[in-house]
Protein backbone atom coordinates (compact mmCIF):
# COMPACT_ATOMS: atom_id res chain seq x y z
CA UNK A 1 -0.36 -0.07 -0.26
CA UNK A 2 0.99 3.97 -0.81
CA UNK A 3 0.44 6.64 1.55
CA UNK A 4 -0.09 9.74 -0.05
CA UNK A 5 1.14 12.79 1.49
CA UNK A 6 -1.36 16.23 0.58
CA UNK A 7 0.10 19.60 0.47
CA UNK A 8 -2.19 22.25 0.47
CA UNK A 9 -0.32 25.46 -0.13
CA UNK A 10 3.34 25.19 -1.58
CA UNK A 11 5.27 28.75 -1.66
CA UNK A 12 8.15 29.84 -3.33
CA UNK A 13 10.00 32.21 -2.09
CA UNK A 14 13.52 34.32 -3.73
CA UNK A 15 15.98 35.65 -1.29
CA UNK A 16 16.25 39.47 -2.35
CA UNK A 17 19.05 38.96 -4.93
CA UNK A 18 17.40 36.78 -6.51
CA UNK A 19 13.87 39.32 -7.11
CA UNK A 20 16.52 41.99 -7.49
CA UNK A 21 18.06 39.86 -10.58
CA UNK A 22 14.22 39.05 -11.60
CA UNK A 23 13.17 42.85 -11.86
CA UNK A 24 16.01 43.51 -14.00
CA UNK A 25 14.93 41.07 -16.67
CA UNK A 26 11.86 42.35 -16.91
CA UNK A 27 11.02 44.47 -19.60
CA UNK A 28 10.37 48.37 -18.82
CA UNK A 29 6.80 48.09 -17.38
CA UNK A 30 4.95 52.07 -17.95
CA UNK A 31 4.38 53.27 -14.89
CA UNK A 32 0.60 53.08 -13.58
CA UNK A 33 -1.27 56.06 -11.91
CA UNK A 34 -1.48 53.94 -8.66
CA UNK A 35 2.57 54.46 -8.56
CA UNK A 36 2.03 58.22 -9.14
CA UNK A 37 -0.18 57.93 -6.47
CA UNK A 38 3.04 57.62 -3.77
CA UNK A 39 3.57 60.88 -4.81
CA UNK A 40 1.01 62.91 -4.13
CA UNK A 41 2.98 66.15 -2.91
CA UNK A 42 -0.80 67.46 -1.08
CA UNK A 43 0.94 66.95 3.06
CA UNK A 44 -1.82 70.47 4.00
CA UNK A 45 -4.40 69.66 5.96
CA UNK A 46 -1.62 67.60 8.30
CA UNK A 47 1.28 70.51 8.60
CA UNK A 48 -2.47 72.83 8.94
CA UNK A 49 -3.45 70.95 12.03
CA UNK A 50 0.19 70.59 13.28
CA UNK A 51 1.18 74.27 13.13
CA UNK A 52 -2.21 75.08 14.47
CA UNK A 53 -1.74 72.94 17.62
CA UNK A 54 2.01 74.34 17.45
CA UNK A 55 0.26 78.03 17.44
CA UNK A 56 -1.79 76.93 20.35
CA UNK A 57 1.72 75.62 22.29
CA UNK A 58 3.57 78.99 21.32
CA UNK A 59 0.79 81.07 23.75
CA UNK A 60 1.01 78.87 26.18
CA UNK A 61 4.40 78.99 26.53
CA UNK A 62 4.48 82.85 26.34
CA UNK A 63 2.19 82.73 29.45
CA UNK A 64 4.37 81.18 31.69
CA UNK A 65 6.91 82.39 30.76
CA UNK A 66 4.38 86.01 31.31
CA UNK A 67 4.55 84.32 35.36
CA UNK A 68 7.91 84.16 35.21
CA UNK A 69 8.28 88.01 34.54
CA UNK A 70 5.60 89.19 36.92
CA UNK A 71 7.77 87.05 39.39
CA UNK A 72 10.52 88.24 38.90
CA UNK A 73 9.41 91.10 38.36
CA UNK A 74 7.17 91.09 42.05
CA UNK A 75 10.61 89.75 43.52
CA UNK A 76 12.86 92.54 42.04
CA UNK A 77 9.87 95.31 43.60
CA UNK A 78 10.49 93.34 47.22
CA UNK A 79 14.18 93.04 47.51
CA UNK A 80 13.74 96.92 46.85
CA UNK A 81 11.48 97.35 48.93
CA UNK A 82 13.48 95.23 51.76
CA UNK A 83 16.39 97.36 50.96
CA UNK A 84 14.66 100.20 51.77
CA UNK A 85 13.02 99.15 55.05
CA UNK A 86 16.45 97.96 56.50
CA UNK A 87 18.13 101.71 55.06
CA UNK A 88 15.43 102.92 56.87
CA UNK A 89 15.76 99.83 59.77
CA UNK A 90 19.40 101.47 60.52
CA UNK A 91 18.89 105.03 60.44
CA UNK A 92 16.50 104.82 63.00
CA UNK A 93 19.46 102.17 64.93
CA UNK A 94 22.13 105.29 65.12
CA UNK A 95 19.45 107.92 65.69
CA UNK A 96 18.47 105.34 69.00
CA UNK A 97 22.24 104.49 69.62
CA UNK A 98 22.79 108.33 69.86
CA UNK A 99 19.33 108.47 72.03
CA UNK A 100 20.72 105.94 74.89
CA UNK A 101 18.32 103.59 73.93
CA UNK A 102 18.26 100.18 72.77
CA UNK A 103 18.67 99.56 69.08
CA UNK A 104 15.46 97.39 67.18
CA UNK A 105 16.12 93.98 65.53
CA UNK A 106 16.93 94.86 61.69
CA UNK A 107 14.82 91.62 60.29
CA UNK A 108 10.97 91.84 61.57
CA UNK A 109 9.64 88.33 60.52
CA UNK A 110 5.82 90.14 60.98
CA UNK A 111 6.61 92.37 58.37
CA UNK A 112 5.00 90.83 54.83
CA UNK A 113 7.99 92.13 53.45
CA UNK A 114 9.93 89.97 54.72
CA UNK A 115 7.73 86.60 53.75
CA UNK A 116 9.41 84.18 50.63
CA UNK A 117 7.37 85.14 47.32
CA UNK A 118 6.16 81.37 45.79
CA UNK A 119 7.41 80.44 42.58
CA UNK A 120 5.45 79.56 39.78
CA UNK A 121 5.35 75.26 39.24
CA UNK A 122 8.01 74.69 35.72
CA UNK A 123 6.58 71.77 34.96
CA UNK A 124 4.31 72.93 32.82
CA UNK A 125 6.59 75.05 30.79
CA UNK A 126 8.44 71.62 30.23
CA UNK A 127 5.39 70.21 28.80
CA UNK A 128 4.71 73.20 26.64
CA UNK A 129 8.05 72.83 25.07
CA UNK A 130 8.20 69.21 25.15
CA UNK A 131 5.36 69.16 23.33
CA UNK A 132 6.46 71.56 20.68
CA UNK A 133 9.80 69.68 20.25
CA UNK A 134 7.37 67.25 19.41
CA UNK A 135 5.07 69.02 16.38
CA UNK A 136 8.81 70.09 15.37
CA UNK A 137 9.34 66.90 14.93
CA UNK A 138 6.29 66.05 13.22
CA UNK A 139 6.88 69.12 11.06
CA UNK A 140 10.11 67.39 10.05
CA UNK A 141 9.88 64.73 8.85
CA UNK A 142 7.21 65.08 6.57
CA UNK A 143 8.75 68.65 5.00
CA UNK A 144 11.82 66.17 4.40
CA UNK A 145 9.20 63.31 2.88
CA UNK A 146 8.00 66.81 0.43
CA UNK A 147 11.15 67.69 -0.69
CA UNK A 148 11.68 64.32 -1.39
CA UNK A 149 9.03 64.08 -3.37
CA UNK A 150 9.37 67.21 -5.42
CA UNK A 151 12.50 66.62 -6.20
CA UNK A 152 11.81 63.16 -7.31
CA UNK A 153 9.08 64.59 -9.18
CA UNK A 154 11.05 66.82 -10.74
CA UNK A 155 13.60 64.02 -12.15
CA UNK A 156 10.59 62.06 -13.45
CA UNK A 157 9.87 65.48 -15.62
CA UNK A 158 13.11 66.59 -16.66
CA UNK A 159 12.97 62.75 -18.51
């Protein structure tokens, strides 16, 4: 008795070199429309959307920078008030010493100008900056691909 082994599917594959050689042996085939569709140059919707998102992020970054400018402006104002108060207190202590009285302490913790101002968080600015970097990388990638397509189309039109 004979036993038969039935194989339902046979798959033949070639190495990359054999495939390239076979491609070289084929006659020149005209480029189909589907091949030109890959060279589509319109990336306007993607670019427009990413630029709108980046503009929104730039507005957010601007507001974060305004918070820091406001903080440093107030910090400078507070330091100048502290210096003026200390100068006034030193003059007052000199006059008290001349009058034979005990000098007052130079720093008054109950005075609101000596309370430290809370520094704004840098996390939000850092997150916005990373988001802007991400949008820039996306735009850079699409623009690079578009330039490659443009150069390829120019070469095809010259031939």
